[in-house]
Amino acid sequence: MVRAVRTQIPGRCIFCRGTGLTKEHVLPDWLRVIFPRSATDTHTFGSYDWPCIIGHAVPIQNTRSAQGQIGSKKVRVVCRACNNGWLSQLEAAVQPILSDLISGYARTLTVAD
C-alpha cells in the first residue's frame, strides 16, 4: 500500500492554522530592484512526495520548468492575519538589512538585527 504524507493542511495557514488564505509572493516585490525581471526569464520548481513503501518513506522528486521569474509566483498558504500582521512587520524590519547583504555591501549585524 502506498500512502502519501502531507505536511500542509489544505485551506489552513502554515503558521497559525487559521483560515482565510491570501495570495503571497514567494519573493517580495522590493527584490525587483536587486533582481530585475525580463520577458525571457524561466524558472524551475519542484516538490517531493514521500510515499510509504513497505513501511519506509521514500522521497520522489517532481520538477517542472515554467516561463517567468520565480519572484512573480504567488502561493496561497498564509492567512490574512499573519500576512498583514507579523509577517509584514518582519519583512519591513529586515528589508534594509537584507538589501545591503544581498547587494554585497559590508554591514555589521547587531544583536537587534
PDB file of N, CA and C in Angstrom:
ATOM      1  N   MET A   1       0.835  -1.184   0.000  1.00  0.00           N
ATOM      2  CA  MET A   1       0.000   0.000   0.000  1.00  0.00           C
ATOM      3  C   MET A   1       0.885   1.253   0.000  1.00  0.00           C
ATOM      4  N   VAL A   2       0.593   2.200  -0.881  1.00  0.00           N
ATOM      5  CA  VAL A   2       1.333   3.454  -0.966  1.00  0.00           C
ATOM      6  C   VAL A   2       0.476   4.543  -0.339  1.00  0.00           C
ATOM      7  N   ARG A   3       1.082   5.290   0.601  1.00  0.00           N
ATOM      8  CA  ARG A   3       0.353   6.355   1.284  1.00  0.00           C
ATOM      9  C   ARG A   3       1.224   7.601   1.340  1.00  0.00           C
ATOM     10  N   ALA A   4       0.725   8.722   0.849  1.00  0.00           N
ATOM     11  CA  ALA A   4       1.478   9.974   0.850  1.00  0.00           C
ATOM     12  C   ALA A   4       1.384  10.640   2.217  1.00  0.00           C
ATOM     13  N   VAL A   5       2.444  11.310   2.613  1.00  0.00           N
ATOM     14  CA  VAL A   5       2.481  12.062   3.861  1.00  0.00           C
ATOM     15  C   VAL A   5       2.294  13.528   3.518  1.00  0.00           C
ATOM     16  N   ARG A   6       1.322  14.197   4.125  1.00  0.00           N
ATOM     17  CA  ARG A   6       1.016  15.589   3.822  1.00  0.00           C
ATOM     18  C   ARG A   6       1.432  16.459   4.991  1.00  0.00           C
ATOM     19  N   THR A   7       2.179  17.528   4.698  1.00  0.00           N
ATOM     20  CA  THR A   7       2.630  18.421   5.756  1.00  0.00           C
ATOM     21  C   THR A   7       1.777  19.684   5.864  1.00  0.00           C
ATOM     22  N   GLN A   8       1.015  20.014   4.837  1.00  0.00           N
ATOM     23  CA  GLN A   8       0.189  21.220   4.814  1.00  0.00           C
ATOM     24  C   GLN A   8      -1.275  20.813   4.823  1.00  0.00           C
ATOM     25  N   ILE A   9      -2.046  21.401   5.736  1.00  0.00           N
ATOM     26  CA  ILE A   9      -3.488  21.165   5.773  1.00  0.00           C
ATOM     27  C   ILE A   9      -4.123  22.110   4.763  1.00  0.00           C
ATOM     28  N   PRO A  10      -4.798  21.593   3.735  1.00  0.00           N
ATOM     29  CA  PRO A  10      -5.385  22.460   2.708  1.00  0.00           C
ATOM     30  C   PRO A  10      -6.316  23.506   3.311  1.00  0.00           C
ATOM     31  N   GLY A  11      -6.181  24.739   2.850  1.00  0.00           N
ATOM     32  CA  GLY A  11      -7.052  25.814   3.313  1.00  0.00           C
ATOM     33  C   GLY A  11      -6.690  26.385   4.660  1.00  0.00           C
ATOM     34  N   ARG A  12      -5.554  25.968   5.228  1.00  0.00           N
ATOM     35  CA  ARG A  12      -5.121  26.456   6.543  1.00  0.00           C
ATOM     36  C   ARG A  12      -3.763  27.126   6.453  1.00  0.00           C
ATOM     37  N   CYS A  13      -3.572  28.169   7.239  1.00  0.00           N
ATOM     38  CA  CYS A  13      -2.316  28.917   7.279  1.00  0.00           C
ATOM     39  C   CYS A  13      -1.182  28.016   7.771  1.00  0.00           C
ATOM     40  N   ILE A  14      -0.022  28.097   7.115  1.00  0.00           N
ATOM     41  CA  ILE A  14       1.114  27.272   7.514  1.00  0.00           C
ATOM     42  C   ILE A  14       1.699  27.709   8.859  1.00  0.00           C
ATOM     43  N   PHE A  15       1.347  28.901   9.341  1.00  0.00           N
ATOM     44  CA  PHE A  15       1.882  29.385  10.604  1.00  0.00           C
ATOM     45  C   PHE A  15       0.919  29.196  11.767  1.00  0.00           C
ATOM     46  N   CYS A  16      -0.313  29.670  11.622  1.00  0.00           N
ATOM     47  CA  CYS A  16      -1.253  29.631  12.746  1.00  0.00           C
ATOM     48  C   CYS A  16      -2.388  28.632  12.562  1.00  0.00           C
ATOM     49  N   ARG A  17      -2.465  28.008  11.393  1.00  0.00           N
ATOM     50  CA  ARG A  17      -3.518  27.055  11.019  1.00  0.00           C
ATOM     51  C   ARG A  17      -4.884  27.722  10.873  1.00  0.00           C
ATOM     52  N   GLY A  18      -4.869  29.076  10.776  1.00  0.00           N
ATOM     53  CA  GLY A  18      -6.107  29.816  10.568  1.00  0.00           C
ATOM     54  C   GLY A  18      -6.605  29.675   9.136  1.00  0.00           C
ATOM     55  N   THR A  19      -7.800  30.187   8.895  1.00  0.00           N
ATOM     56  CA  THR A  19      -8.394  30.146   7.558  1.00  0.00           C
ATOM     57  C   THR A  19      -8.339  31.532   6.935  1.00  0.00           C
ATOM     58  N   GLY A  20      -8.895  31.677   5.739  1.00  0.00           N
ATOM     59  CA  GLY A  20      -8.894  32.964   5.043  1.00  0.00           C
ATOM     60  C   GLY A  20      -7.554  33.235   4.386  1.00  0.00           C
ATOM     61  N   LEU A  21      -7.080  32.279   3.600  1.00  0.00           N
ATOM     62  CA  LEU A  21      -5.765  32.401   2.978  1.00  0.00           C
ATOM     63  C   LEU A  21      -5.727  33.497   1.923  1.00  0.00           C
ATOM     64  N   THR A  22      -4.572  34.151   1.818  1.00  0.00           N
ATOM     65  CA  THR A  22      -4.347  35.193   0.817  1.00  0.00           C
ATOM     66  C   THR A  22      -3.196  34.759  -0.080  1.00  0.00           C
ATOM     67  N   LYS A  23      -3.137  35.340  -1.275  1.00  0.00           N
ATOM     68  CA  LYS A  23      -2.008  35.073  -2.165  1.00  0.00           C
ATOM     69  C   LYS A  23      -0.829  35.914  -1.716  1.00  0.00           C
ATOM     70  N   GLU A  24       0.326  35.284  -1.621  1.00  0.00           N
ATOM     71  CA  GLU A  24       1.535  35.973  -1.188  1.00  0.00           C
ATOM     72  C   GLU A  24       2.649  35.656  -2.161  1.00  0.00           C
ATOM     73  N   HIS A  25       3.435  36.688  -2.533  1.00  0.00           N
ATOM     74  CA  HIS A  25       4.584  36.467  -3.408  1.00  0.00           C
ATOM     75  C   HIS A  25       5.604  35.563  -2.718  1.00  0.00           C
ATOM     76  N   VAL A  26       6.208  34.664  -3.480  1.00  0.00           N
ATOM     77  CA  VAL A  26       7.283  33.826  -2.957  1.00  0.00           C
ATOM     78  C   VAL A  26       8.448  34.713  -2.540  1.00  0.00           C
ATOM     79  N   LEU A  27       8.776  35.679  -3.379  1.00  0.00           N
ATOM     80  CA  LEU A  27       9.798  36.688  -3.064  1.00  0.00           C
ATOM     81  C   LEU A  27       9.125  38.053  -3.061  1.00  0.00           C
ATOM     82  N   PRO A  28       9.449  38.919  -2.100  1.00  0.00           N
ATOM     83  CA  PRO A  28       8.771  40.220  -2.014  1.00  0.00           C
ATOM     84  C   PRO A  28       9.066  41.116  -3.220  1.00  0.00           C
ATOM     85  N   ASP A  29       8.119  41.991  -3.534  1.00  0.00           N
ATOM     86  CA  ASP A  29       8.257  42.900  -4.678  1.00  0.00           C
ATOM     87  C   ASP A  29       9.486  43.805  -4.584  1.00  0.00           C
ATOM     88  N   TRP A  30       9.919  44.171  -3.370  1.00  0.00           N
ATOM     89  CA  TRP A  30      11.063  45.080  -3.250  1.00  0.00           C
ATOM     90  C   TRP A  30      12.353  44.444  -3.774  1.00  0.00           C
ATOM     91  N   LEU A  31      12.380  43.137  -3.948  1.00  0.00           N
ATOM     92  CA  LEU A  31      13.570  42.484  -4.504  1.00  0.00           C
ATOM     93  C   LEU A  31      13.720  42.718  -6.009  1.00  0.00           C
ATOM     94  N   ARG A  32      12.673  43.264  -6.667  1.00  0.00           N
ATOM     95  CA  ARG A  32      12.767  43.569  -8.102  1.00  0.00           C
ATOM     96  C   ARG A  32      13.899  44.548  -8.404  1.00  0.00           C
ATOM     97  N   VAL A  33      14.200  45.429  -7.464  1.00  0.00           N
ATOM     98  CA  VAL A  33      15.288  46.386  -7.653  1.00  0.00           C
ATOM     99  C   VAL A  33      16.618  45.639  -7.752  1.00  0.00           C
ATOM    100  N   ILE A  34      16.781  44.610  -6.941  1.00  0.00           N
ATOM    101  CA  ILE A  34      18.025  43.847  -6.907  1.00  0.00           C
ATOM    102  C   ILE A  34      18.046  42.776  -8.001  1.00  0.00           C
ATOM    103  N   PHE A  35      16.902  42.151  -8.241  1.00  0.00           N
ATOM    104  CA  PHE A  35      16.778  41.099  -9.247  1.00  0.00           C
ATOM    105  C   PHE A  35      15.721  41.509 -10.278  1.00  0.00           C
ATOM    106  N   PRO A  36      16.092  42.346 -11.234  1.00  0.00           N
ATOM    107  CA  PRO A  36      15.101  42.795 -12.220  1.00  0.00           C
ATOM    108  C   PRO A  36      14.577  41.625 -13.048  1.00  0.00           C
ATOM    109  N   ARG A  37      13.355  41.748 -13.500  1.00  0.00           N
ATOM    110  CA  ARG A  37      12.703  40.708 -14.294  1.00  0.00           C
ATOM    111  C   ARG A  37      12.804  41.033 -15.774  1.00  0.00           C
ATOM    112  N   SER A  38      12.855  39.982 -16.597  1.00  0.00           N
ATOM    113  CA  SER A  38      12.838  40.202 -18.041  1.00  0.00           C
ATOM    114  C   SER A  38      11.820  39.245 -18.669  1.00  0.00           C
ATOM    115  N   ALA A  39      11.454  39.531 -19.912  1.00  0.00           N
ATOM    116  CA  ALA A  39      10.452  38.731 -20.617  1.00  0.00           C
ATOM    117  C   ALA A  39      10.950  37.323 -20.929  1.00  0.00           C
ATOM    118  N   THR A  40      12.257  37.101 -20.857  1.00  0.00           N
ATOM    119  CA  THR A  40      12.796  35.781 -21.205  1.00  0.00           C
ATOM    120  C   THR A  40      13.116  34.918 -19.984  1.00  0.00           C
ATOM    121  N   ASP A  41      12.796  35.383 -18.793  1.00  0.00           N
ATOM    122  CA  ASP A  41      13.077  34.615 -17.581  1.00  0.00           C
ATOM    123  C   ASP A  41      12.300  33.307 -17.557  1.00  0.00           C
ATOM    124  N   THR A  42      12.947  32.275 -17.038  1.00  0.00           N
ATOM    125  CA  THR A  42      12.279  30.998 -16.762  1.00  0.00           C
ATOM    126  C   THR A  42      12.689  30.552 -15.369  1.00  0.00           C
ATOM    127  N   HIS A  43      11.949  29.624 -14.827  1.00  0.00           N
ATOM    128  CA  HIS A  43      12.287  29.086 -13.521  1.00  0.00           C
ATOM    129  C   HIS A  43      11.917  27.607 -13.466  1.00  0.00           C
ATOM    130  N   THR A  44      12.572  26.913 -12.570  1.00  0.00           N
ATOM    131  CA  THR A  44      12.276  25.505 -12.330  1.00  0.00           C
ATOM    132  C   THR A  44      11.833  25.379 -10.889  1.00  0.00           C
ATOM    133  N   PHE A  45      10.766  24.668 -10.663  1.00  0.00           N
ATOM    134  CA  PHE A  45      10.314  24.453  -9.299  1.00  0.00           C
ATOM    135  C   PHE A  45      10.010  22.984  -9.115  1.00  0.00           C
ATOM    136  N   GLY A  46      10.037  22.568  -7.880  1.00  0.00           N
ATOM    137  CA  GLY A  46       9.831  21.155  -7.640  1.00  0.00           C
ATOM    138  C   GLY A  46       9.286  20.887  -6.255  1.00  0.00           C
ATOM    139  N   SER A  47       8.997  19.648  -6.054  1.00  0.00           N
ATOM    140  CA  SER A  47       8.497  19.207  -4.760  1.00  0.00           C
ATOM    141  C   SER A  47       8.898  17.754  -4.564  1.00  0.00           C
ATOM    142  N   TYR A  48       8.726  17.300  -3.367  1.00  0.00           N
ATOM    143  CA  TYR A  48       8.987  15.901  -3.055  1.00  0.00           C
ATOM    144  C   TYR A  48       7.721  15.263  -2.518  1.00  0.00           C
ATOM    145  N   ASP A  49       7.426  14.084  -2.990  1.00  0.00           N
ATOM    146  CA  ASP A  49       6.392  13.252  -2.396  1.00  0.00           C
ATOM    147  C   ASP A  49       7.115  12.218  -1.552  1.00  0.00           C
ATOM    148  N   TRP A  50       6.530  11.846  -0.442  1.00  0.00           N
ATOM    149  CA  TRP A  50       7.142  10.887   0.467  1.00  0.00           C
ATOM    150  C   TRP A  50       6.194   9.703   0.681  1.00  0.00           C
ATOM    151  N   PRO A  51       5.959   8.903  -0.349  1.00  0.00           N
ATOM    152  CA  PRO A  51       5.078   7.747  -0.149  1.00  0.00           C
ATOM    153  C   PRO A  51       5.729   6.700   0.748  1.00  0.00           C
ATOM    154  N   CYS A  52       4.918   6.010   1.510  1.00  0.00           N
ATOM    155  CA  CYS A  52       5.411   4.921   2.355  1.00  0.00           C
ATOM    156  C   CYS A  52       5.359   3.635   1.546  1.00  0.00           C
ATOM    157  N   ILE A  53       6.517   3.069   1.315  1.00  0.00           N
ATOM    158  CA  ILE A  53       6.612   1.819   0.567  1.00  0.00           C
ATOM    159  C   ILE A  53       7.227   0.781   1.491  1.00  0.00           C
ATOM    160  N   ILE A  54       6.479  -0.247   1.776  1.00  0.00           N
ATOM    161  CA  ILE A  54       6.892  -1.316   2.684  1.00  0.00           C
ATOM    162  C   ILE A  54       7.368  -0.733   4.018  1.00  0.00           C
ATOM    163  N   GLY A  55       6.606   0.187   4.545  1.00  0.00           N
ATOM    164  CA  GLY A  55       6.880   0.758   5.854  1.00  0.00           C
ATOM    165  C   GLY A  55       7.936   1.843   5.906  1.00  0.00           C
ATOM    166  N   HIS A  56       8.516   2.243   4.771  1.00  0.00           N
ATOM    167  CA  HIS A  56       9.549   3.270   4.753  1.00  0.00           C
ATOM    168  C   HIS A  56       9.145   4.407   3.822  1.00  0.00           C
ATOM    169  N   ALA A  57       9.379   5.644   4.269  1.00  0.00           N
ATOM    170  CA  ALA A  57       9.105   6.807   3.422  1.00  0.00           C
ATOM    171  C   ALA A  57      10.244   6.950   2.417  1.00  0.00           C
ATOM    172  N   VAL A  58       9.883   7.033   1.145  1.00  0.00           N
ATOM    173  CA  VAL A  58      10.863   7.136   0.066  1.00  0.00           C
ATOM    174  C   VAL A  58      10.609   8.437  -0.692  1.00  0.00           C
ATOM    175  N   PRO A  59      11.625   9.333  -0.788  1.00  0.00           N
ATOM    176  CA  PRO A  59      11.393  10.598  -1.495  1.00  0.00           C
ATOM    177  C   PRO A  59      11.342  10.403  -3.006  1.00  0.00           C
ATOM    178  N   ILE A  60      10.345  11.010  -3.628  1.00  0.00           N
ATOM    179  CA  ILE A  60      10.233  11.027  -5.087  1.00  0.00           C
ATOM    180  C   ILE A  60      10.176  12.485  -5.505  1.00  0.00           C
ATOM    181  N   GLN A  61      11.173  12.922  -6.301  1.00  0.00           N
ATOM    182  CA  GLN A  61      11.278  14.320  -6.700  1.00  0.00           C
ATOM    183  C   GLN A  61      10.441  14.587  -7.945  1.00  0.00           C
ATOM    184  N   ASN A  62       9.718  15.705  -7.929  1.00  0.00           N
ATOM    185  CA  ASN A  62       8.946  16.176  -9.079  1.00  0.00           C
ATOM    186  C   ASN A  62       9.445  17.565  -9.430  1.00  0.00           C
ATOM    187  N   THR A  63       9.877  17.800 -10.678  1.00  0.00           N
ATOM    188  CA  THR A  63      10.308  19.129 -11.098  1.00  0.00           C
ATOM    189  C   THR A  63       9.592  19.521 -12.384  1.00  0.00           C
ATOM    190  N   ARG A  64       9.488  20.835 -12.570  1.00  0.00           N
ATOM    191  CA  ARG A  64       8.822  21.379 -13.746  1.00  0.00           C
ATOM    192  C   ARG A  64       9.389  22.755 -14.039  1.00  0.00           C
ATOM    193  N   SER A  65       9.552  23.072 -15.319  1.00  0.00           N
ATOM    194  CA  SER A  65      10.026  24.397 -15.733  1.00  0.00           C
ATOM    195  C   SER A  65       8.849  25.214 -16.237  1.00  0.00           C
ATOM    196  N   ALA A  66       8.943  26.534 -16.041  1.00  0.00           N
ATOM    197  CA  ALA A  66       7.875  27.420 -16.488  1.00  0.00           C
ATOM    198  C   ALA A  66       8.473  28.765 -16.882  1.00  0.00           C
ATOM    199  N   GLN A  67       7.719  29.511 -17.681  1.00  0.00           N
ATOM    200  CA  GLN A  67       8.141  30.841 -18.097  1.00  0.00           C
ATOM    201  C   GLN A  67       7.913  31.818 -16.959  1.00  0.00           C
ATOM    202  N   GLY A  68       8.747  32.843 -16.888  1.00  0.00           N
ATOM    203  CA  GLY A  68       8.599  33.885 -15.878  1.00  0.00           C
ATOM    204  C   GLY A  68       9.558  33.701 -14.728  1.00  0.00           C
ATOM    205  N   GLN A  69       9.802  34.777 -13.997  1.00  0.00           N
ATOM    206  CA  GLN A  69      10.700  34.743 -12.855  1.00  0.00           C
ATOM    207  C   GLN A  69       9.956  34.200 -11.644  1.00  0.00           C
ATOM    208  N   ILE A  70      10.653  33.452 -10.826  1.00  0.00           N
ATOM    209  CA  ILE A  70      10.026  32.852  -9.646  1.00  0.00           C
ATOM    210  C   ILE A  70       9.480  33.922  -8.697  1.00  0.00           C
ATOM    211  N   GLY A  71      10.066  35.113  -8.726  1.00  0.00           N
ATOM    212  CA  GLY A  71       9.589  36.188  -7.862  1.00  0.00           C
ATOM    213  C   GLY A  71       8.172  36.630  -8.151  1.00  0.00           C
ATOM    214  N   SER A  72       7.675  36.336  -9.349  1.00  0.00           N
ATOM    215  CA  SER A  72       6.303  36.702  -9.683  1.00  0.00           C
ATOM    216  C   SER A  72       5.307  35.636  -9.233  1.00  0.00           C
ATOM    217  N   LYS A  73       5.801  34.508  -8.771  1.00  0.00           N
ATOM    218  CA  LYS A  73       4.939  33.412  -8.323  1.00  0.00           C
ATOM    219  C   LYS A  73       4.276  33.768  -7.002  1.00  0.00           C
ATOM    220  N   LYS A  74       3.012  33.433  -6.897  1.00  0.00           N
ATOM    221  CA  LYS A  74       2.272  33.641  -5.653  1.00  0.00           C
ATOM    222  C   LYS A  74       1.750  32.300  -5.156  1.00  0.00           C
ATOM    223  N   VAL A  75       1.708  32.162  -3.852  1.00  0.00           N
ATOM    224  CA  VAL A  75       1.183  30.948  -3.237  1.00  0.00           C
ATOM    225  C   VAL A  75       0.101  31.331  -2.236  1.00  0.00           C
ATOM    226  N   ARG A  76      -0.812  30.418  -2.029  1.00  0.00           N
ATOM    227  CA  ARG A  76      -1.913  30.654  -1.098  1.00  0.00           C
ATOM    228  C   ARG A  76      -1.749  29.711   0.099  1.00  0.00           C
ATOM    229  N   VAL A  77      -0.839  30.107   1.020  1.00  0.00           N
ATOM    230  CA  VAL A  77      -0.568  29.254   2.176  1.00  0.00           C
ATOM    231  C   VAL A  77      -0.552  30.031   3.499  1.00  0.00           C
ATOM    232  N   VAL A  78      -0.766  31.366   3.433  1.00  0.00           N
ATOM    233  CA  VAL A  78      -0.708  32.208   4.623  1.00  0.00           C
ATOM    234  C   VAL A  78      -2.039  32.943   4.783  1.00  0.00           C
ATOM    235  N   CYS A  79      -2.539  33.015   6.013  1.00  0.00           N
ATOM    236  CA  CYS A  79      -3.814  33.696   6.254  1.00  0.00           C
ATOM    237  C   CYS A  79      -3.625  35.212   6.238  1.00  0.00           C
ATOM    238  N   ARG A  80      -4.720  35.922   6.098  1.00  0.00           N
ATOM    239  CA  ARG A  80      -4.702  37.388   6.034  1.00  0.00           C
ATOM    240  C   ARG A  80      -4.106  37.986   7.318  1.00  0.00           C
ATOM    241  N   ALA A  81      -4.461  37.431   8.477  1.00  0.00           N
ATOM    242  CA  ALA A  81      -3.974  37.977   9.751  1.00  0.00           C
ATOM    243  C   ALA A  81      -2.449  37.872   9.853  1.00  0.00           C
ATOM    244  N   CYS A  82      -1.878  36.728   9.507  1.00  0.00           N
ATOM    245  CA  CYS A  82      -0.413  36.574   9.548  1.00  0.00           C
ATOM    246  C   CYS A  82       0.247  37.415   8.469  1.00  0.00           C
ATOM    247  N   ASN A  83      -0.296  37.392   7.255  1.00  0.00           N
ATOM    248  CA  ASN A  83       0.288  38.096   6.122  1.00  0.00           C
ATOM    249  C   ASN A  83       0.345  39.599   6.366  1.00  0.00           C
ATOM    250  N   ASN A  84      -0.742  40.180   6.835  1.00  0.00           N
ATOM    251  CA  ASN A  84      -0.817  41.621   7.043  1.00  0.00           C
ATOM    252  C   ASN A  84      -0.353  42.043   8.428  1.00  0.00           C
ATOM    253  N   GLY A  85      -0.061  41.086   9.290  1.00  0.00           N
ATOM    254  CA  GLY A  85       0.365  41.376  10.654  1.00  0.00           C
ATOM    255  C   GLY A  85       1.856  41.171  10.841  1.00  0.00           C
ATOM    256  N   TRP A  86       2.214  40.118  11.561  1.00  0.00           N
ATOM    257  CA  TRP A  86       3.610  39.904  11.943  1.00  0.00           C
ATOM    258  C   TRP A  86       4.535  39.651  10.755  1.00  0.00           C
ATOM    259  N   LEU A  87       4.035  39.009   9.682  1.00  0.00           N
ATOM    260  CA  LEU A  87       4.894  38.788   8.516  1.00  0.00           C
ATOM    261  C   LEU A  87       5.240  40.101   7.822  1.00  0.00           C
ATOM    262  N   SER A  88       4.271  40.995   7.719  1.00  0.00           N
ATOM    263  CA  SER A  88       4.502  42.306   7.120  1.00  0.00           C
ATOM    264  C   SER A  88       5.498  43.116   7.951  1.00  0.00           C
ATOM    265  N   GLN A  89       5.336  43.064   9.267  1.00  0.00           N
ATOM    266  CA  GLN A  89       6.253  43.784  10.164  1.00  0.00           C
ATOM    267  C   GLN A  89       7.668  43.214  10.073  1.00  0.00           C
ATOM    268  N   LEU A  90       7.780  41.895   9.996  1.00  0.00           N
ATOM    269  CA  LEU A  90       9.080  41.252   9.873  1.00  0.00           C
ATOM    270  C   LEU A  90       9.764  41.648   8.566  1.00  0.00           C
ATOM    271  N   GLU A  91       9.005  41.619   7.478  1.00  0.00           N
ATOM    272  CA  GLU A  91       9.559  41.990   6.164  1.00  0.00           C
ATOM    273  C   GLU A  91      10.042  43.435   6.157  1.00  0.00           C
ATOM    274  N   ALA A  92       9.253  44.347   6.731  1.00  0.00           N
ATOM    275  CA  ALA A  92       9.654  45.757   6.776  1.00  0.00           C
ATOM    276  C   ALA A  92      10.925  45.940   7.596  1.00  0.00           C
ATOM    277  N   ALA A  93      11.070  45.166   8.665  1.00  0.00           N
ATOM    278  CA  ALA A  93      12.245  45.291   9.524  1.00  0.00           C
ATOM    279  C   ALA A  93      13.511  44.745   8.865  1.00  0.00           C
ATOM    280  N   VAL A  94      13.396  43.671   8.108  1.00  0.00           N
ATOM    281  CA  VAL A  94      14.591  43.050   7.522  1.00  0.00           C
ATOM    282  C   VAL A  94      14.953  43.606   6.146  1.00  0.00           C
ATOM    283  N   GLN A  95      14.046  44.320   5.496  1.00  0.00           N
ATOM    284  CA  GLN A  95      14.308  44.810   4.138  1.00  0.00           C
ATOM    285  C   GLN A  95      15.610  45.605   4.017  1.00  0.00           C
ATOM    286  N   PRO A  96      15.859  46.625   4.854  1.00  0.00           N
ATOM    287  CA  PRO A  96      17.111  47.372   4.692  1.00  0.00           C
ATOM    288  C   PRO A  96      18.348  46.517   4.966  1.00  0.00           C
ATOM    289  N   ILE A  97      18.245  45.602   5.881  1.00  0.00           N
ATOM    290  CA  ILE A  97      19.379  44.732   6.215  1.00  0.00           C
ATOM    291  C   ILE A  97      19.657  43.776   5.057  1.00  0.00           C
ATOM    292  N   LEU A  98      18.621  43.093   4.600  1.00  0.00           N
ATOM    293  CA  LEU A  98      18.795  42.128   3.507  1.00  0.00           C
ATOM    294  C   LEU A  98      19.185  42.794   2.199  1.00  0.00           C
ATOM    295  N   SER A  99      18.646  43.976   1.934  1.00  0.00           N
ATOM    296  CA  SER A  99      19.012  44.697   0.705  1.00  0.00           C
ATOM    297  C   SER A  99      20.519  44.930   0.644  1.00  0.00           C
ATOM    298  N   ASP A 100      21.095  45.381   1.748  1.00  0.00           N
ATOM    299  CA  ASP A 100      22.540  45.601   1.799  1.00  0.00           C
ATOM    300  C   ASP A 100      23.305  44.288   1.620  1.00  0.00           C
ATOM    301  N   LEU A 101      22.922  43.262   2.357  1.00  0.00           N
ATOM    302  CA  LEU A 101      23.642  41.991   2.308  1.00  0.00           C
ATOM    303  C   LEU A 101      23.549  41.333   0.936  1.00  0.00           C
ATOM    304  N   ILE A 102      22.361  41.321   0.337  1.00  0.00           N
ATOM    305  CA  ILE A 102      22.176  40.716  -0.981  1.00  0.00           C
ATOM    306  C   ILE A 102      22.959  41.484  -2.039  1.00  0.00           C
ATOM    307  N   SER A 103      23.026  42.801  -1.888  1.00  0.00           N
ATOM    308  CA  SER A 103      23.739  43.643  -2.857  1.00  0.00           C
ATOM    309  C   SER A 103      25.252  43.607  -2.669  1.00  0.00           C
ATOM    310  N   GLY A 104      25.722  42.952  -1.607  1.00  0.00           N
ATOM    311  CA  GLY A 104      27.163  42.799  -1.386  1.00  0.00           C
ATOM    312  C   GLY A 104      27.817  43.902  -0.592  1.00  0.00           C
ATOM    313  N   TYR A 105      27.018  44.761   0.053  1.00  0.00           N
ATOM    314  CA  TYR A 105      27.578  45.829   0.855  1.00  0.00           C
ATOM    315  C   TYR A 105      27.997  45.268   2.223  1.00  0.00           C
ATOM    316  N   ALA A 106      29.118  45.767   2.730  1.00  0.00           N
ATOM    317  CA  ALA A 106      29.575  45.348   4.049  1.00  0.00           C
ATOM    318  C   ALA A 106      28.610  45.906   5.099  1.00  0.00           C
ATOM    319  N   ARG A 107      28.285  45.089   6.035  1.00  0.00           N
ATOM    320  CA  ARG A 107      27.371  45.510   7.082  1.00  0.00           C
ATOM    321  C   ARG A 107      27.643  44.673   8.327  1.00  0.00           C
ATOM    322  N   THR A 108      27.768  45.317   9.454  1.00  0.00           N
ATOM    323  CA  THR A 108      27.927  44.602  10.700  1.00  0.00           C
ATOM    324  C   THR A 108      26.537  44.343  11.273  1.00  0.00           C
ATOM    325  N   LEU A 109      26.245  43.094  11.538  1.00  0.00           N
ATOM    326  CA  LEU A 109      24.945  42.750  12.097  1.00  0.00           C
ATOM    327  C   LEU A 109      25.009  42.890  13.618  1.00  0.00           C
ATOM    328  N   THR A 110      24.015  43.580  14.145  1.00  0.00           N
ATOM    329  CA  THR A 110      23.926  43.755  15.592  1.00  0.00           C
ATOM    330  C   THR A 110      23.021  42.685  16.171  1.00  0.00           C
ATOM    331  N   VAL A 111      22.965  42.603  17.472  1.00  0.00           N
ATOM    332  CA  VAL A 111      22.065  41.664  18.131  1.00  0.00           C
ATOM    333  C   VAL A 111      20.622  41.987  17.734  1.00  0.00           C
ATOM    334  N   ALA A 112      20.298  43.268  17.629  1.00  0.00           N
ATOM    335  CA  ALA A 112      18.933  43.686  17.234  1.00  0.00           C
ATOM    336  C   ALA A 112      18.614  43.255  15.813  1.00  0.00           C
ATOM    337  N   ASP A 113      19.625  43.304  14.923  1.00  0.00           N
ATOM    338  CA  ASP A 113      19.421  42.872  13.537  1.00  0.00           C
ATOM    339  C   ASP A 113      19.068  41.392  13.506  1.00  0.00           C
TER     340      ASP A 113
END
